[in-house]
């Protein structure tokens, strides 16, 4: 996802209501999110669906890494050689 450009990518809800199709096209074309404000405060973010899916995948991967690190810190990991042995046993079946 591209970085937000403050001067182009923050719009009040009143502008969004009148030109939503243009803003959807902008988000799709630029791959940048669009921050929607109401009464001067950010209330929502409009992002391209493919960018959203990519973000979800990254979050899932980072969650898995964090869980793995936590398990290792708690002594729940297994030695590399033991893991290789288990994998090779399963592959050979």
PDB file of N, CA and C in Angstrom:
ATOM      1  N   UNK A   1       0.848  -1.170   0.000  1.00  0.00           N
ATOM      2  CA  UNK A   1       0.000   0.000   0.000  1.00  0.00           C
ATOM      3  C   UNK A   1       0.895   1.234   0.000  1.00  0.00           C
ATOM      4  N   UNK A   2       0.523   2.190  -0.785  1.00  0.00           N
ATOM      5  CA  UNK A   2       1.259   3.451  -0.859  1.00  0.00           C
ATOM      6  C   UNK A   2       0.991   4.280   0.393  1.00  0.00           C
ATOM      7  N   UNK A   3       1.927   5.153   0.725  1.00  0.00           N
ATOM      8  CA  UNK A   3       1.759   6.023   1.886  1.00  0.00           C
ATOM      9  C   UNK A   3       0.715   7.095   1.602  1.00  0.00           C
ATOM     10  N   UNK A   4       0.026   7.461   2.638  1.00  0.00           N
ATOM     11  CA  UNK A   4      -1.005   8.489   2.588  1.00  0.00           C
ATOM     12  C   UNK A   4      -0.391   9.840   2.225  1.00  0.00           C
ATOM     13  N   UNK A   5      -1.048  10.580   1.341  1.00  0.00           N
ATOM     14  CA  UNK A   5      -0.650  11.956   1.030  1.00  0.00           C
ATOM     15  C   UNK A   5      -1.689  12.871   1.678  1.00  0.00           C
ATOM     16  N   UNK A   6      -1.271  13.538   2.713  1.00  0.00           N
ATOM     17  CA  UNK A   6      -2.182  14.322   3.557  1.00  0.00           C
ATOM     18  C   UNK A   6      -3.032  15.292   2.741  1.00  0.00           C
ATOM     19  N   UNK A   7      -2.426  15.980   1.791  1.00  0.00           N
ATOM     20  CA  UNK A   7      -3.158  16.996   1.033  1.00  0.00           C
ATOM     21  C   UNK A   7      -4.150  16.415   0.036  1.00  0.00           C
ATOM     22  N   UNK A   8      -4.038  15.111  -0.279  1.00  0.00           N
ATOM     23  CA  UNK A   8      -4.920  14.505  -1.282  1.00  0.00           C
ATOM     24  C   UNK A   8      -5.817  13.416  -0.724  1.00  0.00           C
ATOM     25  N   UNK A   9      -5.449  12.830   0.411  1.00  0.00           N
ATOM     26  CA  UNK A   9      -6.106  11.612   0.851  1.00  0.00           C
ATOM     27  C   UNK A   9      -6.896  11.741   2.149  1.00  0.00           C
ATOM     28  N   UNK A  10      -7.253  12.934   2.528  1.00  0.00           N
ATOM     29  CA  UNK A  10      -8.134  13.148   3.672  1.00  0.00           C
ATOM     30  C   UNK A  10      -9.297  14.003   3.179  1.00  0.00           C
ATOM     31  N   UNK A  11     -10.495  13.443   3.284  1.00  0.00           N
ATOM     32  CA  UNK A  11     -11.682  14.121   2.740  1.00  0.00           C
ATOM     33  C   UNK A  11     -12.808  14.106   3.762  1.00  0.00           C
ATOM     34  N   UNK A  12     -13.570  15.196   3.825  1.00  0.00           N
ATOM     35  CA  UNK A  12     -14.738  15.209   4.709  1.00  0.00           C
ATOM     36  C   UNK A  12     -15.867  14.344   4.138  1.00  0.00           C
ATOM     37  N   UNK A  13     -16.682  13.828   5.029  1.00  0.00           N
ATOM     38  CA  UNK A  13     -17.790  12.965   4.632  1.00  0.00           C
ATOM     39  C   UNK A  13     -18.703  13.653   3.621  1.00  0.00           C
ATOM     40  N   UNK A  14     -18.885  14.961   3.745  1.00  0.00           N
ATOM     41  CA  UNK A  14     -19.755  15.682   2.807  1.00  0.00           C
ATOM     42  C   UNK A  14     -19.242  15.562   1.371  1.00  0.00           C
ATOM     43  N   UNK A  15     -17.914  15.602   1.169  1.00  0.00           N
ATOM     44  CA  UNK A  15     -17.351  15.424  -0.179  1.00  0.00           C
ATOM     45  C   UNK A  15     -17.514  13.985  -0.651  1.00  0.00           C
ATOM     46  N   UNK A  16     -17.339  13.039   0.262  1.00  0.00           N
ATOM     47  CA  UNK A  16     -17.473  11.622  -0.093  1.00  0.00           C
ATOM     48  C   UNK A  16     -18.883  11.337  -0.580  1.00  0.00           C
ATOM     49  N   UNK A  17     -19.878  11.884   0.111  1.00  0.00           N
ATOM     50  CA  UNK A  17     -21.284  11.648  -0.268  1.00  0.00           C
ATOM     51  C   UNK A  17     -21.573  12.075  -1.707  1.00  0.00           C
ATOM     52  N   UNK A  18     -20.978  13.174  -2.121  1.00  0.00           N
ATOM     53  CA  UNK A  18     -21.307  13.709  -3.446  1.00  0.00           C
ATOM     54  C   UNK A  18     -20.465  13.113  -4.571  1.00  0.00           C
ATOM     55  N   UNK A  19     -19.338  12.462  -4.232  1.00  0.00           N
ATOM     56  CA  UNK A  19     -18.483  11.955  -5.306  1.00  0.00           C
ATOM     57  C   UNK A  19     -17.857  10.613  -5.006  1.00  0.00           C
ATOM     58  N   UNK A  20     -18.623   9.711  -4.403  1.00  0.00           N
ATOM     59  CA  UNK A  20     -18.064   8.434  -3.964  1.00  0.00           C
ATOM     60  C   UNK A  20     -17.415   7.649  -5.106  1.00  0.00           C
ATOM     61  N   UNK A  21     -18.007   7.656  -6.279  1.00  0.00           N
ATOM     62  CA  UNK A  21     -17.439   6.899  -7.405  1.00  0.00           C
ATOM     63  C   UNK A  21     -16.036   7.409  -7.746  1.00  0.00           C
ATOM     64  N   UNK A  22     -15.853   8.721  -7.727  1.00  0.00           N
ATOM     65  CA  UNK A  22     -14.535   9.298  -8.017  1.00  0.00           C
ATOM     66  C   UNK A  22     -13.512   8.909  -6.955  1.00  0.00           C
ATOM     67  N   UNK A  23     -13.949   8.880  -5.700  1.00  0.00           N
ATOM     68  CA  UNK A  23     -13.020   8.531  -4.616  1.00  0.00           C
ATOM     69  C   UNK A  23     -12.658   7.046  -4.645  1.00  0.00           C
ATOM     70  N   UNK A  24     -13.614   6.211  -5.003  1.00  0.00           N
ATOM     71  CA  UNK A  24     -13.314   4.784  -5.156  1.00  0.00           C
ATOM     72  C   UNK A  24     -12.297   4.592  -6.280  1.00  0.00           C
ATOM     73  N   UNK A  25     -12.474   5.300  -7.378  1.00  0.00           N
ATOM     74  CA  UNK A  25     -11.519   5.224  -8.484  1.00  0.00           C
ATOM     75  C   UNK A  25     -10.142   5.722  -8.034  1.00  0.00           C
ATOM     76  N   UNK A  26     -10.108   6.817  -7.277  1.00  0.00           N
ATOM     77  CA  UNK A  26      -8.837   7.362  -6.775  1.00  0.00           C
ATOM     78  C   UNK A  26      -8.114   6.322  -5.929  1.00  0.00           C
ATOM     79  N   UNK A  27      -8.818   5.689  -5.008  1.00  0.00           N
ATOM     80  CA  UNK A  27      -8.217   4.678  -4.129  1.00  0.00           C
ATOM     81  C   UNK A  27      -7.708   3.499  -4.948  1.00  0.00           C
ATOM     82  N   UNK A  28      -8.491   3.080  -5.923  1.00  0.00           N
ATOM     83  CA  UNK A  28      -8.086   1.960  -6.782  1.00  0.00           C
ATOM     84  C   UNK A  28      -6.852   2.314  -7.619  1.00  0.00           C
ATOM     85  N   UNK A  29      -6.851   3.487  -8.207  1.00  0.00           N
ATOM     86  CA  UNK A  29      -5.751   3.896  -9.088  1.00  0.00           C
ATOM     87  C   UNK A  29      -4.451   4.183  -8.330  1.00  0.00           C
ATOM     88  N   UNK A  30      -4.552   4.841  -7.181  1.00  0.00           N
ATOM     89  CA  UNK A  30      -3.347   5.258  -6.451  1.00  0.00           C
ATOM     90  C   UNK A  30      -2.844   4.205  -5.476  1.00  0.00           C
ATOM     91  N   UNK A  31      -3.713   3.264  -5.096  1.00  0.00           N
ATOM     92  CA  UNK A  31      -3.389   2.249  -4.074  1.00  0.00           C
ATOM     93  C   UNK A  31      -3.111   2.887  -2.726  1.00  0.00           C
ATOM     94  N   UNK A  32      -3.587   4.143  -2.545  1.00  0.00           N
ATOM     95  CA  UNK A  32      -3.438   4.832  -1.271  1.00  0.00           C
ATOM     96  C   UNK A  32      -4.787   4.846  -0.561  1.00  0.00           C
ATOM     97  N   UNK A  33      -4.768   4.749   0.768  1.00  0.00           N
ATOM     98  CA  UNK A  33      -6.036   4.829   1.501  1.00  0.00           C
ATOM     99  C   UNK A  33      -6.583   6.249   1.488  1.00  0.00           C
ATOM    100  N   UNK A  34      -7.860   6.368   1.747  1.00  0.00           N
ATOM    101  CA  UNK A  34      -8.519   7.668   1.825  1.00  0.00           C
ATOM    102  C   UNK A  34      -9.148   7.775   3.209  1.00  0.00           C
ATOM    103  N   UNK A  35      -8.722   8.752   3.990  1.00  0.00           N
ATOM    104  CA  UNK A  35      -9.267   8.960   5.324  1.00  0.00           C
ATOM    105  C   UNK A  35     -10.503   9.846   5.206  1.00  0.00           C
ATOM    106  N   UNK A  36     -11.599   9.380   5.796  1.00  0.00           N
ATOM    107  CA  UNK A  36     -12.863  10.120   5.761  1.00  0.00           C
ATOM    108  C   UNK A  36     -13.047  10.770   7.131  1.00  0.00           C
ATOM    109  N   UNK A  37     -13.307  12.070   7.112  1.00  0.00           N
ATOM    110  CA  UNK A  37     -13.486  12.793   8.371  1.00  0.00           C
ATOM    111  C   UNK A  37     -14.933  13.230   8.539  1.00  0.00           C
ATOM    112  N   UNK A  38     -15.296  13.418   9.801  1.00  0.00           N
ATOM    113  CA  UNK A  38     -16.617  13.957  10.132  1.00  0.00           C
ATOM    114  C   UNK A  38     -16.407  14.910  11.305  1.00  0.00           C
ATOM    115  N   UNK A  39     -16.831  16.131  11.152  1.00  0.00           N
ATOM    116  CA  UNK A  39     -16.630  17.168  12.166  1.00  0.00           C
ATOM    117  C   UNK A  39     -15.139  17.324  12.493  1.00  0.00           C
ATOM    118  N   UNK A  40     -14.300  17.199  11.458  1.00  0.00           N
ATOM    119  CA  UNK A  40     -12.871  17.418  11.606  1.00  0.00           C
ATOM    120  C   UNK A  40     -12.076  16.262  12.190  1.00  0.00           C
ATOM    121  N   UNK A  41     -12.729  15.139  12.443  1.00  0.00           N
ATOM    122  CA  UNK A  41     -12.037  13.986  13.025  1.00  0.00           C
ATOM    123  C   UNK A  41     -12.144  12.783  12.099  1.00  0.00           C
ATOM    124  N   UNK A  42     -11.081  11.997  12.031  1.00  0.00           N
ATOM    125  CA  UNK A  42     -11.105  10.792  11.213  1.00  0.00           C
ATOM    126  C   UNK A  42     -12.113   9.786  11.745  1.00  0.00           C
ATOM    127  N   UNK A  43     -12.972   9.254  10.847  1.00  0.00           N
ATOM    128  CA  UNK A  43     -13.993   8.288  11.270  1.00  0.00           C
ATOM    129  C   UNK A  43     -13.935   6.978  10.488  1.00  0.00           C
ATOM    130  N   UNK A  44     -13.290   6.986   9.328  1.00  0.00           N
ATOM    131  CA  UNK A  44     -13.237   5.769   8.522  1.00  0.00           C
ATOM    132  C   UNK A  44     -12.096   5.880   7.520  1.00  0.00           C
ATOM    133  N   UNK A  45     -11.722   4.716   6.974  1.00  0.00           N
ATOM    134  CA  UNK A  45     -10.681   4.668   5.946  1.00  0.00           C
ATOM    135  C   UNK A  45     -11.201   3.832   4.794  1.00  0.00           C
ATOM    136  N   UNK A  46     -11.072   4.341   3.589  1.00  0.00           N
ATOM    137  CA  UNK A  46     -11.462   3.627   2.379  1.00  0.00           C
ATOM    138  C   UNK A  46     -10.185   3.121   1.716  1.00  0.00           C
ATOM    139  N   UNK A  47     -10.089   1.794   1.523  1.00  0.00           N
ATOM    140  CA  UNK A  47      -8.906   1.239   0.874  1.00  0.00           C
ATOM    141  C   UNK A  47      -9.321   0.283  -0.232  1.00  0.00           C
ATOM    142  N   UNK A  48      -8.430   0.081  -1.172  1.00  0.00           N
ATOM    143  CA  UNK A  48      -8.636  -0.842  -2.278  1.00  0.00           C
ATOM    144  C   UNK A  48      -8.760  -2.259  -1.728  1.00  0.00           C
ATOM    145  N   UNK A  49      -9.644  -3.047  -2.289  1.00  0.00           N
ATOM    146  CA  UNK A  49      -9.903  -4.392  -1.787  1.00  0.00           C
ATOM    147  C   UNK A  49      -8.659  -5.275  -1.853  1.00  0.00           C
ATOM    148  N   UNK A  50      -7.852  -5.149  -2.879  1.00  0.00           N
ATOM    149  CA  UNK A  50      -6.637  -5.960  -2.990  1.00  0.00           C
ATOM    150  C   UNK A  50      -5.610  -5.542  -1.939  1.00  0.00           C
ATOM    151  N   UNK A  51      -5.543  -4.249  -1.648  1.00  0.00           N
ATOM    152  CA  UNK A  51      -4.655  -3.763  -0.601  1.00  0.00           C
ATOM    153  C   UNK A  51      -5.121  -4.274   0.761  1.00  0.00           C
ATOM    154  N   UNK A  52      -6.436  -4.324   0.956  1.00  0.00           N
ATOM    155  CA  UNK A  52      -6.991  -4.839   2.206  1.00  0.00           C
ATOM    156  C   UNK A  52      -6.636  -6.316   2.381  1.00  0.00           C
ATOM    157  N   UNK A  53      -6.796  -7.108   1.323  1.00  0.00           N
ATOM    158  CA  UNK A  53      -6.463  -8.529   1.386  1.00  0.00           C
ATOM    159  C   UNK A  53      -4.974  -8.728   1.691  1.00  0.00           C
ATOM    160  N   UNK A  54      -4.131  -7.930   1.078  1.00  0.00           N
ATOM    161  CA  UNK A  54      -2.689  -8.028   1.332  1.00  0.00           C
ATOM    162  C   UNK A  54      -2.378  -7.682   2.788  1.00  0.00           C
ATOM    163  N   UNK A  55      -3.060  -6.675   3.325  1.00  0.00           N
ATOM    164  CA  UNK A  55      -2.873  -6.315   4.726  1.00  0.00           C
ATOM    165  C   UNK A  55      -3.291  -7.456   5.643  1.00  0.00           C
ATOM    166  N   UNK A  56      -4.413  -8.089   5.327  1.00  0.00           N
ATOM    167  CA  UNK A  56      -4.895  -9.211   6.138  1.00  0.00           C
ATOM    168  C   UNK A  56      -3.870 -10.346   6.155  1.00  0.00           C
ATOM    169  N   UNK A  57      -3.295 -10.651   5.003  1.00  0.00           N
ATOM    170  CA  UNK A  57      -2.288 -11.710   4.924  1.00  0.00           C
ATOM    171  C   UNK A  57      -1.061 -11.368   5.762  1.00  0.00           C
ATOM    172  N   UNK A  58      -0.633 -10.114   5.709  1.00  0.00           N
ATOM    173  CA  UNK A  58       0.532  -9.685   6.492  1.00  0.00           C
ATOM    174  C   UNK A  58       0.240  -9.772   7.986  1.00  0.00           C
ATOM    175  N   UNK A  59      -0.952  -9.378   8.383  1.00  0.00           N
ATOM    176  CA  UNK A  59      -1.330  -9.447   9.793  1.00  0.00           C
ATOM    177  C   UNK A  59      -1.340 -10.897  10.265  1.00  0.00           C
ATOM    178  N   UNK A  60      -1.889 -11.797   9.456  1.00  0.00           N
ATOM    179  CA  UNK A  60      -1.911 -13.213   9.819  1.00  0.00           C
ATOM    180  C   UNK A  60      -0.494 -13.766   9.962  1.00  0.00           C
ATOM    181  N   UNK A  61       0.386 -13.411   9.042  1.00  0.00           N
ATOM    182  CA  UNK A  61       1.765 -13.870   9.109  1.00  0.00           C
ATOM    183  C   UNK A  61       2.460 -13.333  10.359  1.00  0.00           C
ATOM    184  N   UNK A  62       2.303 -12.056  10.635  1.00  0.00           N
ATOM    185  CA  UNK A  62       2.920 -11.464  11.818  1.00  0.00           C
ATOM    186  C   UNK A  62       2.365 -12.074  13.104  1.00  0.00           C
ATOM    187  N   UNK A  63       1.083 -12.388  13.120  1.00  0.00           N
ATOM    188  CA  UNK A  63       0.479 -13.048  14.276  1.00  0.00           C
ATOM    189  C   UNK A  63       1.094 -14.422  14.485  1.00  0.00           C
ATOM    190  N   UNK A  64       1.270 -15.175  13.394  1.00  0.00           N
ATOM    191  CA  UNK A  64       1.905 -16.493  13.483  1.00  0.00           C
ATOM    192  C   UNK A  64       3.340 -16.392  13.991  1.00  0.00           C
ATOM    193  N   UNK A  65       4.081 -15.416  13.505  1.00  0.00           N
ATOM    194  CA  UNK A  65       5.467 -15.222  13.948  1.00  0.00           C
ATOM    195  C   UNK A  65       5.492 -14.887  15.438  1.00  0.00           C
ATOM    196  N   UNK A  66       4.620 -13.977  15.848  1.00  0.00           N
ATOM    197  CA  UNK A  66       4.571 -13.597  17.265  1.00  0.00           C
ATOM    198  C   UNK A  66       4.224 -14.791  18.146  1.00  0.00           C
ATOM    199  N   UNK A  67       3.272 -15.613  17.727  1.00  0.00           N
ATOM    200  CA  UNK A  67       2.895 -16.794  18.484  1.00  0.00           C
ATOM    201  C   UNK A  67       4.069 -17.765  18.572  1.00  0.00           C
ATOM    202  N   UNK A  68       4.776 -17.947  17.471  1.00  0.00           N
ATOM    203  CA  UNK A  68       5.936 -18.841  17.449  1.00  0.00           C
ATOM    204  C   UNK A  68       7.024 -18.351  18.397  1.00  0.00           C
ATOM    205  N   UNK A  69       7.299 -17.061  18.379  1.00  0.00           N
ATOM    206  CA  UNK A  69       8.304 -16.503  19.276  1.00  0.00           C
ATOM    207  C   UNK A  69       7.908 -16.691  20.739  1.00  0.00           C
ATOM    208  N   UNK A  70       6.652 -16.494  21.021  1.00  0.00           N
ATOM    209  CA  UNK A  70       6.149 -16.677  22.381  1.00  0.00           C
ATOM    210  C   UNK A  70       6.290 -18.134  22.824  1.00  0.00           C
ATOM    211  N   UNK A  71       5.973 -19.067  21.925  1.00  0.00           N
ATOM    212  CA  UNK A  71       6.102 -20.487  22.250  1.00  0.00           C
ATOM    213  C   UNK A  71       7.562 -20.856  22.507  1.00  0.00           C
ATOM    214  N   UNK A  72       8.465 -20.331  21.713  1.00  0.00           N
ATOM    215  CA  UNK A  72       9.892 -20.611  21.896  1.00  0.00           C
ATOM    216  C   UNK A  72      10.361 -20.069  23.245  1.00  0.00           C
ATOM    217  N   UNK A  73       9.940 -18.833  23.575  1.00  0.00           N
ATOM    218  CA  UNK A  73      10.315 -18.242  24.859  1.00  0.00           C
ATOM    219  C   UNK A  73       9.808 -19.061  26.041  1.00  0.00           C
ATOM    220  N   UNK A  74       8.666 -19.731  25.869  1.00  0.00           N
ATOM    221  CA  UNK A  74       8.070 -20.540  26.932  1.00  0.00           C
ATOM    222  C   UNK A  74       8.556 -21.985  26.912  1.00  0.00           C
ATOM    223  N   UNK A  75       9.564 -22.254  26.082  1.00  0.00           N
ATOM    224  CA  UNK A  75      10.131 -23.597  26.041  1.00  0.00           C
ATOM    225  C   UNK A  75       9.278 -24.616  25.305  1.00  0.00           C
ATOM    226  N   UNK A  76       8.380 -24.162  24.475  1.00  0.00           N
ATOM    227  CA  UNK A  76       7.483 -25.077  23.765  1.00  0.00           C
ATOM    228  C   UNK A  76       7.991 -25.450  22.375  1.00  0.00           C
ATOM    229  N   UNK A  77       9.125 -24.915  21.985  1.00  0.00           N
ATOM    230  CA  UNK A  77       9.675 -25.232  20.668  1.00  0.00           C
ATOM    231  C   UNK A  77      10.381 -26.581  20.681  1.00  0.00           C
ATOM    232  N   UNK A  78      10.717 -27.079  19.507  1.00  0.00           N
ATOM    233  CA  UNK A  78      11.492 -28.311  19.416  1.00  0.00           C
ATOM    234  C   UNK A  78      12.765 -28.053  18.622  1.00  0.00           C
ATOM    235  N   UNK A  79      13.762 -28.852  18.885  1.00  0.00           N
ATOM    236  CA  UNK A  79      15.062 -28.742  18.239  1.00  0.00           C
ATOM    237  C   UNK A  79      14.924 -28.936  16.729  1.00  0.00           C
ATOM    238  N   UNK A  80      15.762 -28.257  15.975  1.00  0.00           N
ATOM    239  CA  UNK A  80      15.730 -28.335  14.507  1.00  0.00           C
ATOM    240  C   UNK A  80      15.863 -29.775  14.017  1.00  0.00           C
ATOM    241  N   UNK A  81      16.804 -30.511  14.563  1.00  0.00           N
ATOM    242  CA  UNK A  81      17.014 -31.902  14.137  1.00  0.00           C
ATOM    243  C   UNK A  81      15.787 -32.761  14.426  1.00  0.00           C
ATOM    244  N   UNK A  82      15.145 -32.548  15.585  1.00  0.00           N
ATOM    245  CA  UNK A  82      13.928 -33.298  15.923  1.00  0.00           C
ATOM    246  C   UNK A  82      12.805 -32.963  14.947  1.00  0.00           C
ATOM    247  N   UNK A  83      12.688 -31.689  14.601  1.00  0.00           N
ATOM    248  CA  UNK A  83      11.657 -31.269  13.653  1.00  0.00           C
ATOM    249  C   UNK A  83      11.889 -31.904  12.285  1.00  0.00           C
ATOM    250  N   UNK A  84      13.139 -31.885  11.837  1.00  0.00           N
ATOM    251  CA  UNK A  84      13.463 -32.513  10.540  1.00  0.00           C
ATOM    252  C   UNK A  84      13.120 -33.991  10.559  1.00  0.00           C
ATOM    253  N   UNK A  85      13.439 -34.659  11.652  1.00  0.00           N
ATOM    254  CA  UNK A  85      13.131 -36.082  11.773  1.00  0.00           C
ATOM    255  C   UNK A  85      11.639 -36.352  11.674  1.00  0.00           C
ATOM    256  N   UNK A  86      10.840 -35.524  12.352  1.00  0.00           N
ATOM    257  CA  UNK A  86       9.378 -35.689  12.307  1.00  0.00           C
ATOM    258  C   UNK A  86       8.843 -35.448  10.894  1.00  0.00           C
ATOM    259  N   UNK A  87       9.348 -34.455  10.235  1.00  0.00           N
ATOM    260  CA  UNK A  87       8.893 -34.147   8.880  1.00  0.00           C
ATOM    261  C   UNK A  87       9.264 -35.268   7.932  1.00  0.00           C
ATOM    262  N   UNK A  88      10.473 -35.747   8.007  1.00  0.00           N
ATOM    263  CA  UNK A  88      10.912 -36.839   7.135  1.00  0.00           C
ATOM    264  C   UNK A  88      10.107 -38.112   7.361  1.00  0.00           C
ATOM    265  N   UNK A  89       9.745 -38.389   8.602  1.00  0.00           N
ATOM    266  CA  UNK A  89       8.895 -39.563   8.897  1.00  0.00           C
ATOM    267  C   UNK A  89       7.554 -39.441   8.188  1.00  0.00           C
ATOM    268  N   UNK A  90       6.969 -38.248   8.240  1.00  0.00           N
ATOM    269  CA  UNK A  90       5.656 -38.028   7.632  1.00  0.00           C
ATOM    270  C   UNK A  90       5.725 -38.078   6.112  1.00  0.00           C
ATOM    271  N   UNK A  91       6.797 -37.567   5.546  1.00  0.00           N
ATOM    272  CA  UNK A  91       6.969 -37.556   4.083  1.00  0.00           C
ATOM    273  C   UNK A  91       7.145 -38.975   3.557  1.00  0.00           C
ATOM    274  N   UNK A  92       7.827 -39.796   4.282  1.00  0.00           N
ATOM    275  CA  UNK A  92       8.147 -41.164   3.826  1.00  0.00           C
ATOM    276  C   UNK A  92       6.951 -42.090   3.910  1.00  0.00           C
ATOM    277  N   UNK A  93       5.918 -41.727   4.644  1.00  0.00           N
ATOM    278  CA  UNK A  93       4.734 -42.598   4.779  1.00  0.00           C
ATOM    279  C   UNK A  93       3.933 -42.665   3.518  1.00  0.00           C
TER     280      UNK A  93
END
